[in-house]
Amino acid sequence: MTSQVQSLIDTGPILWVPSKVWFSFISRRLKVVYDTHGKLWSRLPTNYGVVSGLFAFMMQSVIFTPPKVNSYVKEALAALNYKGNCDRFGMFFVDLQDCDRPWLIADMPEVDTIQVIRELKLKVARPRKAQPERQDAEDEARYPLGEAPTWKQIAGSLQADPTVLIPVWEAPAEVERYANCEAGSTESHAAELFICFTSHLWLNLNASWRTRPENRVKPGTIGEALKWWSVDTVLKEVIEASFKPCLSNLEGGTGRPSLSFSERRKMYFPEDGPQTSTAIWKRLGDPPGYIYKYQRVRKRLDAEGQRILDEHLEELLSLCQCLPDSSRNKSGGWIWKVDKKKILVMTNPKFYRLRRIGRKATKGGKAVGGQGLRAPPAHCSAMMAAVEMMIHENVPEEVARRAYQTSKRQSKHQGKRSALSKNRRKPPQKKEHADEGEEDTDCDDENDDNSQESANEGQENGDEGDDEDSEEDSVNSWRG
């Protein structure tokens, strides 16, 4: 048997591997290196250039042999005994001392040299600082700023490093009632709506602000949805975020009082529709937006069920460590807001590690922002938001794009018909006798006013009917 195997090997046979096995193996290798590089990007260590070049070389080597290798990458491979590993094992391995800190590799430089910086042409369009590292639970103080820090100390600490004042998010005990509830109960409705709310708000954030825009926000459980609103997740997912203190249920703070996180339920979950002129909120009230789903569920419940549903949503919002600094009113509003080239995020005072706000004044420093390129808008385009919400409902991307284009064409055509109808009016009647008395003139004016009011009233009814038909056509086109 041994001689037969040896004779077969001597002929140089071809080993055939099924494509599903081979490509899944390659995909898994690429994903591991890619995720590790993501940790490197968010932390921005001092040897970012060298380690990033090493990981890029490994990702390229999975599929093909890199045709060009930079000199600093060659030096790093030589220090890690690349040739010796390949000769002995037929594969190259990198021994990570700490998976959470992949830049700590033995025999690797700790700081990028001038040659690396020059070769990479490191000119960051939007300057960013390294993500703060969490301290060990044993080293964390109960009150890191003292029991009664001033309002300026709180605001300054959140701006510099929100992880000092806000602890690591842990699933509270209240989550259990929503995770283990019966299907069809108000708790299950609240959990489903909150999960959809989380996905839709994140997909409305412009991809230019996401560190990993290709990763879809689609939590499967209420615990995963709440974790997306933790400080650590926001630091990991948003390129530049500015954390603000929330002046609610706190005494001693300065400035305009803010809505508490539970009170924001009326803003995020309006009972009678998003009555605002902003398209950002309007499209969330159309299918398949989460506001549209909330109002549909609410109509099926009685008065007591509606009250309980709103209380559950208020409780879930109060369990979030942070939320976007959103606004919604009749004159306008926004979900995400950019200020000084950063996304504004409101923090929940329920999680501040302090006992009260002190009154003793302290000297505060003024943050100076550098001049750079213009920051991108906070929200993504209307098309991207509508398509992403349909993809979130398991609609294929191509079908979602066609449905959106069809809806746009129908609304555009409907708008043209409305404009034509608005231009139709009764022409003024020619006056035959110019010297008639004032009584006849007043009578004619009253008749003209009445006829104009009747025309306007009929026009308004016609426009309402056109809008209803347009909305029904839009919903049917998406469902079709």
Protein backbone atom coordinates (compact mmCIF):
# COMPACT_ATOMS: atom_id res chain seq x y z
CA MET A 1 0.00 0.00 0.00
CA THR A 2 2.86 2.34 0.82
CA SER A 3 4.48 1.76 -2.54
CA GLN A 4 1.21 2.51 -4.33
CA VAL A 5 0.81 5.80 -2.48
CA GLN A 6 4.40 6.73 -3.19
CA SER A 7 4.03 5.91 -6.85
CA LEU A 8 0.89 8.06 -6.98
CA ILE A 9 2.71 11.00 -5.37
CA ASP A 10 5.59 10.63 -7.82
CA THR A 11 3.20 11.23 -10.71
CA GLY A 12 2.36 14.70 -9.37
CA PRO A 13 -1.42 14.24 -9.01
CA ILE A 14 -3.89 17.16 -8.76
CA LEU A 15 -5.90 17.47 -5.56
CA TRP A 16 -9.45 18.56 -6.22
CA VAL A 17 -11.24 20.42 -3.42
CA PRO A 18 -14.96 21.37 -3.60
CA SER A 19 -15.45 25.09 -4.16
CA LYS A 20 -17.74 25.46 -1.15
CA VAL A 21 -15.00 24.06 1.11
CA TRP A 22 -12.18 26.06 -0.45
CA PHE A 23 -13.91 29.44 -0.57
CA SER A 24 -15.35 29.11 2.93
CA PHE A 25 -11.83 28.38 4.18
CA ILE A 26 -10.45 31.47 2.41
CA SER A 27 -13.34 33.60 3.64
CA ARG A 28 -12.74 32.58 7.24
CA ARG A 29 -9.03 33.43 7.05
CA LEU A 30 -9.75 36.84 5.53
CA LYS A 31 -12.43 37.63 8.11
CA VAL A 32 -10.11 36.88 11.05
CA VAL A 33 -7.35 39.14 9.72
CA TYR A 34 -9.88 41.81 8.72
CA ASP A 35 -11.50 41.92 12.18
CA THR A 36 -8.09 42.08 13.84
CA HIS A 37 -7.11 44.99 11.61
CA GLY A 38 -10.35 46.74 12.62
CA LYS A 39 -9.22 46.74 16.27
CA LEU A 40 -5.91 48.19 15.14
CA TRP A 41 -7.64 51.00 13.23
CA SER A 42 -9.89 52.03 16.11
CA ARG A 43 -7.09 52.15 18.69
CA LEU A 44 -4.53 53.85 16.39
CA PRO A 45 -1.32 52.64 18.14
CA THR A 46 2.06 54.30 17.65
CA ASN A 47 3.24 51.47 15.36
CA TYR A 48 0.08 51.59 13.24
CA GLY A 49 1.96 51.80 9.92
CA VAL A 50 4.15 48.72 10.42
CA VAL A 51 1.45 46.46 11.87
CA SER A 52 -1.13 47.63 9.32
CA GLY A 53 1.30 46.82 6.50
CA LEU A 54 1.87 43.37 7.97
CA PHE A 55 -1.88 42.62 8.14
CA ALA A 56 -2.40 43.95 4.60
CA PHE A 57 0.35 41.60 3.39
CA MET A 58 -1.35 38.66 5.12
CA MET A 59 -4.75 39.48 3.58
CA GLN A 60 -3.23 39.69 0.10
CA SER A 61 -1.32 36.44 0.58
CA VAL A 62 -4.56 34.55 1.24
CA ILE A 63 -5.57 34.94 -2.41
CA PHE A 64 -2.34 35.67 -4.34
CA THR A 65 1.34 36.41 -3.87
CA PRO A 66 1.77 40.18 -3.35
CA PRO A 67 3.71 41.55 -6.34
CA LYS A 68 5.19 44.43 -4.36
CA VAL A 69 6.15 44.50 -0.70
CA ASN A 70 7.26 47.68 1.04
CA SER A 71 10.65 47.73 2.68
CA TYR A 72 9.30 48.16 6.23
CA VAL A 73 7.02 45.13 5.71
CA LYS A 74 10.01 43.06 4.55
CA GLU A 75 11.90 44.04 7.70
CA ALA A 76 8.90 43.08 9.86
CA LEU A 77 8.60 39.69 8.11
CA ALA A 78 12.31 39.06 8.61
CA ALA A 79 12.00 39.90 12.33
CA LEU A 80 9.10 37.42 12.63
CA ASN A 81 11.07 34.65 10.82
CA TYR A 82 8.65 34.54 7.89
CA LYS A 83 10.85 32.35 5.68
CA GLY A 84 11.62 29.87 8.46
CA ASN A 85 7.91 29.43 9.28
CA CYS A 86 6.97 28.86 5.65
CA ASP A 87 9.80 26.34 5.09
CA ARG A 88 8.89 24.31 8.16
CA PHE A 89 5.07 24.55 8.30
CA GLY A 90 4.20 25.66 4.78
CA MET A 91 2.32 28.56 6.36
CA PHE A 92 3.06 31.78 8.24
CA PHE A 93 1.76 32.44 11.76
CA VAL A 94 1.73 35.56 13.92
CA ASP A 95 1.74 34.94 17.65
CA LEU A 96 -0.48 37.60 19.23
CA GLN A 97 0.27 38.29 22.88
CA ASP A 98 -3.16 39.89 23.37
CA CYS A 99 -6.02 39.48 20.89
CA ASP A 100 -7.62 42.73 22.08
CA ARG A 101 -4.34 44.58 21.44
CA PRO A 102 -2.97 43.05 18.21
CA TRP A 103 -0.23 45.66 17.86
CA LEU A 104 1.68 44.10 20.77
CA ILE A 105 3.65 41.63 18.65
CA ALA A 106 7.06 40.41 19.78
CA ASP A 107 10.05 41.72 17.79
CA MET A 108 7.90 44.46 16.21
CA PRO A 109 8.77 48.18 16.55
CA GLU A 110 6.62 50.09 19.01
CA VAL A 111 6.74 53.37 17.08
CA ASP A 112 6.59 54.06 13.35
CA THR A 113 9.81 55.45 11.93
CA ILE A 114 10.07 58.52 9.74
CA GLN A 115 10.66 56.21 6.76
CA VAL A 116 7.31 54.46 7.34
CA ILE A 117 5.41 57.74 7.69
CA ARG A 118 7.04 59.11 4.53
CA GLU A 119 6.41 55.94 2.52
CA LEU A 120 2.77 55.71 3.54
CA LYS A 121 2.21 59.46 2.97
CA LEU A 122 0.17 59.64 6.14
CA LYS A 123 -2.08 62.66 5.72
CA VAL A 124 -5.30 61.98 7.58
CA ALA A 125 -8.19 63.98 6.10
CA ARG A 126 -9.99 64.11 9.45
CA PRO A 127 -7.57 64.04 12.38
CA ARG A 128 -8.64 61.49 14.94
CA LYS A 129 -7.35 60.38 18.28
CA ALA A 130 -6.89 56.87 19.52
CA GLN A 131 -9.87 55.22 21.16
CA PRO A 132 -9.52 55.25 24.95
CA GLU A 133 -8.75 51.93 26.59
CA ARG A 134 -10.86 50.59 29.40
CA GLN A 135 -9.22 50.00 32.73
CA ASP A 136 -9.54 46.68 34.47
CA ALA A 137 -12.58 46.33 36.68
CA GLU A 138 -10.33 46.05 39.74
CA ASP A 139 -8.60 49.35 38.94
CA GLU A 140 -11.78 51.32 38.27
CA ALA A 141 -12.73 53.67 41.07
CA ARG A 142 -16.30 53.90 42.23
CA TYR A 143 -16.27 57.69 41.80
CA PRO A 144 -13.40 58.49 39.41
CA LEU A 145 -14.09 62.26 39.57
CA GLY A 146 -15.05 62.25 43.20
CA GLU A 147 -18.49 62.00 44.76
CA ALA A 148 -19.52 65.54 43.75
CA PRO A 149 -17.72 66.82 40.64
CA THR A 150 -18.75 70.15 39.15
CA TRP A 151 -20.77 70.41 35.96
CA LYS A 152 -17.70 71.63 34.08
CA GLN A 153 -15.73 68.59 35.26
CA ILE A 154 -18.50 66.28 34.07
CA ALA A 155 -18.74 67.92 30.64
CA GLY A 156 -14.94 68.02 30.26
CA SER A 157 -14.54 64.38 31.25
CA LEU A 158 -17.19 63.25 28.76
CA GLN A 159 -15.49 65.24 26.01
CA ALA A 160 -12.03 63.87 26.76
CA ASP A 161 -12.86 60.26 27.64
CA PRO A 162 -16.47 59.14 28.33
CA THR A 163 -15.26 55.77 29.60
CA VAL A 164 -14.00 57.45 32.80
CA LEU A 165 -17.44 58.52 33.98
CA ILE A 166 -19.59 55.83 32.32
CA PRO A 167 -18.87 52.14 33.10
CA VAL A 168 -18.87 49.18 30.74
CA TRP A 169 -22.41 48.35 29.68
CA GLU A 170 -23.86 45.23 31.23
CA ALA A 171 -27.30 43.85 30.51
CA PRO A 172 -29.54 44.96 33.41
CA ALA A 173 -32.07 42.72 35.08
CA GLU A 174 -34.94 44.50 33.29
CA VAL A 175 -33.86 42.95 29.98
CA GLU A 176 -34.98 39.50 31.10
CA ARG A 177 -38.68 40.39 31.00
CA TYR A 178 -38.36 41.37 27.33
CA ALA A 179 -36.11 38.48 26.34
CA ASN A 180 -38.33 35.77 27.87
CA CYS A 181 -41.79 37.19 27.14
CA GLU A 182 -44.66 35.51 25.33
CA ALA A 183 -45.18 36.15 21.65
CA GLY A 184 -47.87 38.73 21.01
CA SER A 185 -47.58 40.39 24.42
CA THR A 186 -46.94 44.11 24.84
CA GLU A 187 -43.39 43.28 26.01
CA SER A 188 -42.68 41.41 22.77
CA HIS A 189 -44.12 44.28 20.71
CA ALA A 190 -41.96 46.77 22.59
CA ALA A 191 -38.83 44.64 22.10
CA GLU A 192 -39.46 44.22 18.37
CA LEU A 193 -40.10 47.95 17.91
CA PHE A 194 -36.98 48.90 19.86
CA ILE A 195 -34.82 46.52 17.80
CA CYS A 196 -36.23 48.05 14.61
CA PHE A 197 -35.73 51.54 16.04
CA THR A 198 -32.06 50.77 16.69
CA SER A 199 -31.45 49.45 13.19
CA HIS A 200 -33.21 52.30 11.39
CA LEU A 201 -31.52 55.08 13.36
CA TRP A 202 -28.05 53.61 12.73
CA LEU A 203 -28.63 53.03 9.01
CA ASN A 204 -29.65 56.70 8.68
CA LEU A 205 -26.16 57.71 9.78
CA ASN A 206 -24.00 58.72 6.84
CA ALA A 207 -21.52 55.97 5.92
CA SER A 208 -18.67 58.52 6.03
CA TRP A 209 -18.99 58.55 9.83
CA ARG A 210 -18.95 54.76 10.23
CA THR A 211 -15.69 52.94 10.89
CA ARG A 212 -17.14 49.79 9.30
CA PRO A 213 -20.01 50.89 7.04
CA GLU A 214 -20.15 47.47 5.39
CA ASN A 215 -21.31 45.88 8.66
CA ARG A 216 -25.11 46.05 8.81
CA VAL A 217 -26.74 46.97 12.09
CA LYS A 218 -29.23 44.15 12.61
CA PRO A 219 -29.44 43.09 16.27
CA GLY A 220 -31.27 39.85 16.91
CA THR A 221 -32.16 40.32 20.59
CA ILE A 222 -33.11 43.18 22.84
CA GLY A 223 -29.77 42.84 24.65
CA GLU A 224 -27.85 43.28 21.39
CA ALA A 225 -29.98 46.31 20.50
CA LEU A 226 -29.26 47.99 23.84
CA LYS A 227 -25.55 47.28 23.45
CA TRP A 228 -25.53 49.32 20.23
CA TRP A 229 -26.36 52.35 22.42
CA SER A 230 -23.46 51.78 24.80
CA VAL A 231 -20.53 54.20 24.97
CA ASP A 232 -18.00 51.55 23.91
CA THR A 233 -20.03 50.62 20.80
CA VAL A 234 -20.42 54.26 19.75
CA LEU A 235 -16.67 54.80 20.17
CA LYS A 236 -16.03 51.71 18.10
CA GLU A 237 -18.54 52.43 15.30
CA VAL A 238 -18.37 56.23 14.91
CA ILE A 239 -15.19 57.86 13.62
CA GLU A 240 -15.55 61.10 15.59
CA ALA A 241 -18.13 61.45 18.37
CA SER A 242 -18.64 64.22 20.89
CA PHE A 243 -20.38 63.11 24.10
CA LYS A 244 -22.64 65.63 25.85
CA PRO A 245 -24.01 65.57 29.39
CA CYS A 246 -27.78 65.40 29.79
CA LEU A 247 -29.20 67.84 32.31
CA SER A 248 -32.23 65.89 33.47
CA ASN A 249 -33.05 64.76 37.00
CA LEU A 250 -29.80 66.40 38.12
CA GLU A 251 -29.50 69.37 40.45
CA GLY A 252 -26.67 71.84 40.10
CA GLY A 253 -26.11 71.66 36.36
CA THR A 254 -25.95 74.78 34.22
CA GLY A 255 -27.69 75.38 30.92
CA ARG A 256 -31.05 74.53 29.44
CA PRO A 257 -32.72 71.43 30.94
CA SER A 258 -32.73 68.40 28.64
CA LEU A 259 -35.33 65.73 28.11
CA SER A 260 -34.62 62.58 30.06
CA PHE A 261 -34.08 59.40 28.06
CA SER A 262 -37.52 58.07 28.98
CA GLU A 263 -39.17 61.39 28.00
CA ARG A 264 -37.61 61.08 24.55
CA ARG A 265 -40.13 58.38 23.77
CA LYS A 266 -42.56 61.01 22.46
CA MET A 267 -39.90 62.25 20.07
CA TYR A 268 -38.75 58.86 18.78
CA PHE A 269 -42.17 57.18 18.92
CA PRO A 270 -44.81 59.83 18.05
CA GLU A 271 -48.37 58.68 18.60
CA ASP A 272 -50.03 60.48 15.68
CA GLY A 273 -47.30 60.50 13.06
CA PRO A 274 -44.14 62.55 12.61
CA GLN A 275 -45.71 66.00 12.20
CA THR A 276 -42.59 67.72 10.91
CA SER A 277 -41.37 69.11 7.63
CA THR A 278 -38.08 67.21 7.79
CA ALA A 279 -37.78 64.35 5.32
CA ILE A 280 -35.55 62.46 7.78
CA TRP A 281 -38.48 61.85 10.13
CA LYS A 282 -41.12 61.60 7.40
CA ARG A 283 -39.56 58.56 5.75
CA LEU A 284 -39.48 56.74 9.08
CA GLY A 285 -43.27 57.18 9.23
CA ASP A 286 -43.68 55.44 5.86
CA PRO A 287 -43.37 51.67 5.41
CA PRO A 288 -41.16 49.96 6.37
CA GLY A 289 -40.07 52.63 8.89
CA TYR A 290 -40.18 51.83 12.59
CA ILE A 291 -42.57 54.74 13.32
CA TYR A 292 -45.01 53.31 10.79
CA LYS A 293 -44.79 49.91 12.53
CA TYR A 294 -45.22 51.48 15.96
CA GLN A 295 -48.38 53.32 14.95
CA ARG A 296 -49.83 50.18 13.34
CA VAL A 297 -49.23 48.15 16.50
CA ARG A 298 -50.64 50.94 18.65
CA LYS A 299 -53.91 51.12 16.67
CA ARG A 300 -54.58 47.44 17.35
CA LEU A 301 -54.38 47.92 21.13
CA ASP A 302 -56.94 49.37 23.49
CA ALA A 303 -56.23 52.43 25.66
CA GLU A 304 -54.67 50.38 28.47
CA GLY A 305 -52.51 48.40 26.04
CA GLN A 306 -51.28 51.61 24.42
CA ARG A 307 -50.29 53.01 27.78
CA ILE A 308 -48.39 49.84 28.73
CA LEU A 309 -46.61 49.73 25.36
CA ASP A 310 -45.43 53.33 25.76
CA GLU A 311 -44.23 52.59 29.30
CA HIS A 312 -42.16 49.65 28.03
CA LEU A 313 -40.57 51.79 25.33
CA GLU A 314 -39.78 54.49 27.89
CA GLU A 315 -38.11 51.89 30.09
CA LEU A 316 -36.01 50.54 27.21
CA LEU A 317 -34.87 54.04 26.26
CA SER A 318 -33.89 54.70 29.88
CA LEU A 319 -31.60 51.64 29.74
CA CYS A 320 -29.48 53.15 26.93
CA GLN A 321 -26.16 54.65 27.92
CA CYS A 322 -26.33 57.15 25.08
CA LEU A 323 -28.53 58.25 22.17
CA PRO A 324 -28.12 60.67 19.25
CA ASP A 325 -28.66 64.33 20.07
CA SER A 326 -31.90 64.26 18.06
CA SER A 327 -34.58 66.91 17.62
CA ARG A 328 -38.08 66.82 16.14
CA ASN A 329 -40.50 69.72 15.85
CA LYS A 330 -42.93 71.19 13.33
CA SER A 331 -40.32 73.49 11.79
CA GLY A 332 -37.72 70.79 11.24
CA GLY A 333 -35.44 68.43 13.09
CA TRP A 334 -32.74 65.80 12.72
CA ILE A 335 -31.69 62.38 14.01
CA TRP A 336 -27.91 62.76 13.90
CA LYS A 337 -26.21 66.14 14.19
CA VAL A 338 -22.69 67.31 13.33
CA ASP A 339 -21.04 70.02 15.40
CA LYS A 340 -17.38 70.99 15.08
CA LYS A 341 -16.78 68.03 12.75
CA LYS A 342 -18.08 65.51 15.29
CA ILE A 343 -21.32 63.56 15.74
CA LEU A 344 -23.14 64.77 18.84
CA VAL A 345 -24.17 62.02 21.26
CA MET A 346 -26.23 62.55 24.41
CA THR A 347 -25.24 60.51 27.48
CA ASN A 348 -27.60 59.13 30.12
CA PRO A 349 -27.00 60.62 33.61
CA LYS A 350 -28.41 57.42 35.07
CA PHE A 351 -25.02 55.78 34.38
CA TYR A 352 -22.75 58.58 35.69
CA ARG A 353 -20.49 57.33 38.46
CA LEU A 354 -21.14 60.14 40.94
CA ARG A 355 -23.45 60.95 43.79
CA ARG A 356 -24.34 64.56 43.06
CA ILE A 357 -23.13 67.65 41.24
CA GLY A 358 -20.83 69.92 43.21
CA ARG A 359 -21.04 73.71 43.30
CA LYS A 360 -17.39 74.57 43.64
CA ALA A 361 -16.18 76.26 40.45
CA THR A 362 -13.12 74.91 38.65
CA LYS A 363 -10.96 76.26 35.85
CA GLY A 364 -11.92 74.76 32.53
CA GLY A 365 -9.79 74.47 29.41
CA LYS A 366 -10.95 75.48 25.98
CA ALA A 367 -10.79 72.82 23.28
CA VAL A 368 -9.19 74.00 20.06
CA GLY A 369 -10.22 72.29 16.85
CA GLY A 370 -7.92 72.20 13.86
CA GLN A 371 -8.94 73.35 10.42
CA GLY A 372 -9.46 70.61 7.89
CA LEU A 373 -11.78 69.35 5.21
CA ARG A 374 -15.47 70.00 5.49
CA ALA A 375 -17.24 67.37 7.55
CA PRO A 376 -19.74 65.16 5.69
CA PRO A 377 -23.45 65.48 6.50
CA ALA A 378 -24.74 63.44 9.41
CA HIS A 379 -27.55 61.67 7.54
CA CYS A 380 -27.32 59.42 4.53
CA SER A 381 -29.32 60.10 1.37
CA ALA A 382 -33.06 59.45 1.18
CA MET A 383 -32.53 56.66 -1.35
CA MET A 384 -29.95 54.87 0.81
CA ALA A 385 -32.17 55.09 3.90
CA ALA A 386 -35.25 53.78 2.08
CA VAL A 387 -33.33 50.95 0.41
CA GLU A 388 -31.57 49.95 3.65
CA MET A 389 -34.87 49.81 5.54
CA MET A 390 -36.32 47.50 2.90
CA ILE A 391 -33.18 45.34 2.98
CA HIS A 392 -33.62 45.17 6.75
CA GLU A 393 -37.06 43.63 6.03
CA ASN A 394 -35.30 40.88 3.99
CA VAL A 395 -36.16 42.46 0.63
CA PRO A 396 -33.42 41.80 -2.00
CA GLU A 397 -31.31 44.88 -2.68
CA GLU A 398 -32.10 44.98 -6.41
CA VAL A 399 -35.85 44.72 -5.75
CA ALA A 400 -35.61 47.45 -3.10
CA ARG A 401 -33.86 49.84 -5.48
CA ARG A 402 -36.44 49.23 -8.23
CA ALA A 403 -39.30 49.76 -5.76
CA TYR A 404 -37.77 53.06 -4.62
CA GLN A 405 -37.31 54.30 -8.19
CA THR A 406 -40.91 53.33 -9.05
CA SER A 407 -42.19 55.17 -5.99
CA LYS A 408 -40.19 58.28 -6.93
CA ARG A 409 -41.56 58.27 -10.48
CA GLN A 410 -45.12 57.94 -9.24
CA SER A 411 -44.76 60.76 -6.71
CA LYS A 412 -43.14 62.99 -9.34
CA HIS A 413 -45.96 62.35 -11.82
CA GLN A 414 -48.54 62.94 -9.11
CA GLY A 415 -46.88 66.24 -8.24
CA LYS A 416 -47.12 67.42 -11.83
CA ARG A 417 -50.87 66.72 -11.96
CA SER A 418 -51.33 68.62 -8.73
CA ALA A 419 -49.44 71.62 -10.13
CA LEU A 420 -51.69 71.68 -13.21
CA SER A 421 -54.81 71.56 -11.14
CA LYS A 422 -53.59 74.43 -8.97
CA ASN A 423 -53.26 76.67 -12.04
CA ARG A 424 -56.93 76.19 -12.95
CA ARG A 425 -59.11 79.03 -11.72
CA LYS A 426 -62.16 80.91 -12.80
CA PRO A 427 -61.20 83.91 -14.95
CA PRO A 428 -62.43 87.32 -13.72
CA GLN A 429 -65.69 88.55 -15.24
CA LYS A 430 -65.61 91.60 -17.45
CA LYS A 431 -67.33 94.61 -15.91
CA GLU A 432 -69.80 96.15 -18.40
CA HIS A 433 -70.82 99.18 -16.32
CA ALA A 434 -67.94 100.99 -14.68
CA ASP A 435 -70.12 103.70 -13.12
CA GLU A 436 -72.37 101.50 -11.01
CA GLY A 437 -72.79 102.21 -7.31
CA GLU A 438 -70.75 100.91 -4.42
CA GLU A 439 -73.50 98.50 -3.36
CA ASP A 440 -73.30 96.56 -6.63
CA THR A 441 -69.51 96.50 -6.49
CA ASP A 442 -69.48 95.13 -2.97
CA CYS A 443 -71.93 92.45 -3.99
CA ASP A 444 -69.76 91.43 -6.93
CA ASP A 445 -66.69 91.29 -4.68
CA GLU A 446 -68.48 89.05 -2.25
CA ASN A 447 -69.50 86.71 -5.04
CA ASP A 448 -65.93 86.59 -6.33
CA ASP A 449 -64.62 85.85 -2.82
CA ASN A 450 -67.17 83.08 -2.34
CA SER A 451 -66.35 81.53 -5.68
CA GLN A 452 -62.61 81.71 -4.91
CA GLU A 453 -63.13 80.08 -1.50
CA SER A 454 -65.17 77.32 -3.10
CA ALA A 455 -62.44 76.76 -5.67
CA ASN A 456 -59.76 76.62 -2.97
CA GLU A 457 -61.86 74.29 -0.87
CA GLY A 458 -62.38 71.94 -3.80
CA GLN A 459 -58.69 72.11 -4.61
CA GLU A 460 -57.69 71.15 -1.06
CA ASN A 461 -60.03 68.16 -1.15
CA GLY A 462 -58.62 67.13 -4.51
CA ASP A 463 -55.04 67.40 -3.26
CA GLU A 464 -55.82 65.30 -0.21
CA GLY A 465 -57.28 62.61 -2.43
CA ASP A 466 -54.22 62.70 -4.69
CA ASP A 467 -51.90 62.41 -1.68
CA GLU A 468 -53.82 59.40 -0.36
CA ASP A 469 -53.66 57.71 -3.76
CA SER A 470 -49.94 58.46 -3.98
CA GLU A 471 -49.27 57.00 -0.52
CA GLU A 472 -51.33 53.89 -1.33
CA ASP A 473 -49.46 53.42 -4.64
CA SER A 474 -46.13 53.81 -2.81
CA VAL A 475 -47.03 51.17 -0.22
CA ASN A 476 -48.34 48.77 -2.87
CA SER A 477 -45.23 49.22 -5.00
CA TRP A 478 -42.99 48.34 -2.02
CA ARG A 479 -45.10 45.33 -1.04
CA GLY A 480 -45.30 44.16 -4.64
